[in-house]
């Protein structure tokens, strides 16, 4: 069985540590699914390439490139959502994308959260800033999250839990969450809109 995983990354630079974390997490999820005899199809949505489209969607309508990203999210079996942290919270670009994402598009969807920041002191922002946003959106947020500080990249002597180990653990847990679920069914954005016959019976 193939599971569709969408990585939504709000990294602002190229290369980006946020995007790199997304790549590593996607690889860990792919490996975790392979251990269960399943495959992963990964789609990456880089929000920095959609900035103007997100701003347009806030004031008028979403262009096709942004609607393609929406369609990928709604069709996903699971979403890996990543943001750099600024002032101990998610980035404006990250929040804006989920502000304009049509209502219900991540409801009931397993979500693995990740973030990057300068120091480990910011890691709690995943739980007090990012997690509540996805709880409000009715997503099924994985208990385990992954925060990568600048010093985590390439560090080999972290006696607490090195970044690669944390990524592997989160990937396996997310793969297990996906494997327990039925494959995602395509959702119709206008499925809840009544027909003319329903609005004007007789």
Protein backbone atom coordinates (compact mmCIF):
# COMPACT_ATOMS: atom_id res chain seq x y z
CA UNK A 1 0.00 0.00 0.00
CA UNK A 2 1.20 3.51 -0.79
CA UNK A 3 0.78 6.27 1.77
CA UNK A 4 0.77 9.87 0.58
CA UNK A 5 2.81 12.18 2.80
CA UNK A 6 3.01 15.94 2.31
CA UNK A 7 5.87 17.96 3.76
CA UNK A 8 4.90 21.60 4.33
CA UNK A 9 8.07 23.59 4.98
CA UNK A 10 8.23 27.28 5.84
CA UNK A 11 12.00 27.53 5.46
CA UNK A 12 12.96 30.93 4.11
CA UNK A 13 16.37 30.31 2.60
CA UNK A 14 18.04 27.98 0.14
CA UNK A 15 19.51 25.88 1.58
CA UNK A 16 17.27 25.86 4.63
CA UNK A 17 17.73 23.92 7.86
CA UNK A 18 13.93 23.75 8.11
CA UNK A 19 13.66 22.13 4.69
CA UNK A 20 16.56 19.82 5.54
CA UNK A 21 14.73 18.70 8.68
CA UNK A 22 11.70 17.99 6.50
CA UNK A 23 13.79 15.85 4.16
CA UNK A 24 15.23 13.85 7.07
CA UNK A 25 11.80 13.32 8.63
CA UNK A 26 10.30 12.25 5.30
CA UNK A 27 13.13 9.74 4.87
CA UNK A 28 12.52 8.39 8.38
CA UNK A 29 8.80 8.01 7.71
CA UNK A 30 9.54 6.28 4.40
CA UNK A 31 11.87 3.86 6.18
CA UNK A 32 9.30 3.27 8.93
CA UNK A 33 6.62 2.43 6.38
CA UNK A 34 9.01 0.14 4.50
CA UNK A 35 9.51 -1.84 7.71
CA UNK A 36 5.75 -2.43 7.62
CA UNK A 37 5.71 -3.46 3.98
CA UNK A 38 4.23 -0.16 2.79
CA UNK A 39 5.50 2.59 0.51
CA UNK A 40 5.55 6.38 0.85
CA UNK A 41 4.87 8.91 -1.85
CA UNK A 42 6.24 12.23 -0.63
CA UNK A 43 5.18 15.65 -1.91
CA UNK A 44 7.09 18.72 -0.72
CA UNK A 45 5.41 22.11 -0.47
CA UNK A 46 7.98 24.89 -0.02
CA UNK A 47 6.03 27.88 1.25
CA UNK A 48 8.75 30.39 0.39
CA UNK A 49 7.90 29.83 -3.29
CA UNK A 50 4.21 30.56 -2.62
CA UNK A 51 4.49 33.81 -0.65
CA UNK A 52 2.79 36.09 -3.22
CA UNK A 53 0.06 33.52 -3.85
CA UNK A 54 -0.67 33.23 -0.11
CA UNK A 55 -0.95 37.02 0.17
CA UNK A 56 -3.30 37.09 -2.84
CA UNK A 57 -5.48 34.40 -1.26
CA UNK A 58 -5.86 36.58 1.83
CA UNK A 59 -7.44 39.41 -0.14
CA UNK A 60 -9.12 37.75 -3.10
CA UNK A 61 -8.73 34.18 -4.40
CA UNK A 62 -6.11 31.45 -4.36
CA UNK A 63 -4.13 31.10 -7.63
CA UNK A 64 -3.84 27.66 -9.19
CA UNK A 65 -0.34 27.00 -7.83
CA UNK A 66 -1.63 27.52 -4.29
CA UNK A 67 -4.74 25.43 -4.95
CA UNK A 68 -2.44 22.63 -6.09
CA UNK A 69 -0.77 22.79 -2.67
CA UNK A 70 -4.19 22.72 -0.98
CA UNK A 71 -5.15 19.66 -3.04
CA UNK A 72 -1.95 17.87 -2.01
CA UNK A 73 -2.67 18.53 1.67
CA UNK A 74 -6.28 17.41 1.54
CA UNK A 75 -5.36 14.20 -0.29
CA UNK A 76 -2.54 13.34 2.13
CA UNK A 77 -2.57 10.40 4.51
CA UNK A 78 -0.30 12.47 6.74
CA UNK A 79 1.35 15.90 6.87
CA UNK A 80 4.80 16.84 8.15
CA UNK A 81 4.58 20.53 9.07
CA UNK A 82 7.78 22.49 9.70
CA UNK A 83 8.50 26.06 10.64
CA UNK A 84 11.46 28.14 11.74
CA UNK A 85 10.82 29.79 15.09
CA UNK A 86 10.88 33.56 15.44
CA UNK A 87 10.29 35.23 18.79
CA UNK A 88 9.45 31.78 20.20
CA UNK A 89 6.60 31.16 17.78
CA UNK A 90 5.89 29.97 14.24
CA UNK A 91 6.75 32.13 11.25
CA UNK A 92 4.21 34.44 9.67
CA UNK A 93 4.48 32.57 6.36
CA UNK A 94 3.70 29.26 8.06
CA UNK A 95 0.66 30.67 9.89
CA UNK A 96 -0.58 32.48 6.78
CA UNK A 97 -0.62 29.28 4.72
CA UNK A 98 -2.80 27.50 7.25
CA UNK A 99 -4.96 30.63 7.57
CA UNK A 100 -5.88 30.48 3.88
CA UNK A 101 -6.04 26.68 3.68
CA UNK A 102 -9.75 25.86 3.22
CA UNK A 103 -11.50 24.88 6.43
CA UNK A 104 -11.40 21.19 7.24
CA UNK A 105 -8.49 20.32 4.96
CA UNK A 106 -6.39 18.90 7.82
CA UNK A 107 -9.24 17.80 10.08
CA UNK A 108 -8.56 14.25 11.20
CA UNK A 109 -5.22 14.15 9.39
CA UNK A 110 -2.14 12.87 11.27
CA UNK A 111 0.40 15.69 11.56
CA UNK A 112 4.04 15.45 12.61
CA UNK A 113 5.40 18.78 13.84
CA UNK A 114 8.98 19.97 13.44
CA UNK A 115 10.76 23.25 13.97
CA UNK A 116 14.19 24.83 13.80
CA UNK A 117 15.67 27.58 15.90
CA UNK A 118 18.85 29.04 17.23
CA UNK A 119 18.96 27.47 20.67
CA UNK A 120 17.29 24.56 22.50
CA UNK A 121 15.54 27.11 24.73
CA UNK A 122 13.01 27.62 21.94
CA UNK A 123 12.01 23.96 21.66
CA UNK A 124 8.95 24.32 23.92
CA UNK A 125 7.37 26.63 21.33
CA UNK A 126 6.29 23.50 19.46
CA UNK A 127 3.99 22.61 22.33
CA UNK A 128 2.73 26.02 23.44
CA UNK A 129 2.47 27.74 20.03
CA UNK A 130 2.43 25.30 17.11
CA UNK A 131 0.52 22.36 18.58
CA UNK A 132 -2.49 24.47 19.72
CA UNK A 133 -2.91 25.81 16.18
CA UNK A 134 -3.25 22.31 14.75
CA UNK A 135 -5.48 21.24 17.61
CA UNK A 136 -7.76 24.13 16.66
CA UNK A 137 -7.72 22.83 13.06
CA UNK A 138 -8.80 19.41 14.40
CA UNK A 139 -5.71 17.63 13.09
CA UNK A 140 -4.44 14.51 14.85
CA UNK A 141 -1.09 15.79 16.08
CA UNK A 142 1.57 13.22 16.84
CA UNK A 143 2.70 13.30 20.47
CA UNK A 144 6.37 13.30 19.46
CA UNK A 145 7.75 16.45 17.83
CA UNK A 146 11.24 17.26 16.57
CA UNK A 147 13.08 20.49 17.26
CA UNK A 148 16.49 21.11 15.73
CA UNK A 149 18.69 23.84 17.14
CA UNK A 150 21.65 25.18 15.20
CA UNK A 151 24.10 23.13 17.25
CA UNK A 152 22.15 19.89 16.64
CA UNK A 153 23.35 19.64 13.06
CA UNK A 154 26.44 17.49 13.01
CA UNK A 155 26.54 17.06 16.78
CA UNK A 156 27.73 13.60 17.80
CA UNK A 157 28.08 13.86 21.55
CA UNK A 158 24.58 14.82 22.70
CA UNK A 159 24.15 12.52 25.66
CA UNK A 160 20.44 13.32 25.92
CA UNK A 161 19.16 12.37 22.47
CA UNK A 162 21.02 13.18 19.25
CA UNK A 163 19.01 14.70 16.42
CA UNK A 164 19.25 11.63 14.12
CA UNK A 165 17.86 9.44 16.89
CA UNK A 166 14.97 11.81 17.50
CA UNK A 167 14.21 11.97 13.78
CA UNK A 168 14.21 8.16 13.50
CA UNK A 169 11.92 7.80 16.50
CA UNK A 170 9.45 10.38 15.20
CA UNK A 171 9.50 8.84 11.72
CA UNK A 172 8.70 5.38 13.05
CA UNK A 173 5.91 6.67 15.27
CA UNK A 174 4.40 8.62 12.39
CA UNK A 175 4.67 5.59 10.08
CA UNK A 176 2.86 3.51 12.71
CA UNK A 177 0.11 6.15 12.95
CA UNK A 178 -0.32 6.13 9.16
CA UNK A 179 -0.35 2.33 8.96
CA UNK A 180 -3.20 2.14 11.48
CA UNK A 181 -5.47 4.27 9.31
CA UNK A 182 -7.50 3.69 6.21
CA UNK A 183 -6.02 5.46 3.16
CA UNK A 184 -7.14 9.07 2.81
CA UNK A 185 -10.18 9.60 0.63
CA UNK A 186 -10.35 12.63 -1.64
CA UNK A 187 -12.49 15.36 -0.11
CA UNK A 188 -14.74 17.59 -2.20
CA UNK A 189 -14.23 21.25 -1.26
CA UNK A 190 -17.86 21.93 -2.19
CA UNK A 191 -19.24 18.63 -0.92
CA UNK A 192 -21.20 20.33 1.86
CA UNK A 193 -22.86 22.86 -0.45
CA UNK A 194 -26.56 22.08 -0.96
CA UNK A 195 -27.86 21.70 -4.49
CA UNK A 196 -30.55 23.94 -5.98
CA UNK A 197 -33.02 21.09 -5.54
CA UNK A 198 -32.22 20.98 -1.81
CA UNK A 199 -32.45 24.77 -1.41
CA UNK A 200 -35.64 25.12 -3.42
CA UNK A 201 -37.67 21.92 -2.97
CA UNK A 202 -40.75 21.58 -5.12
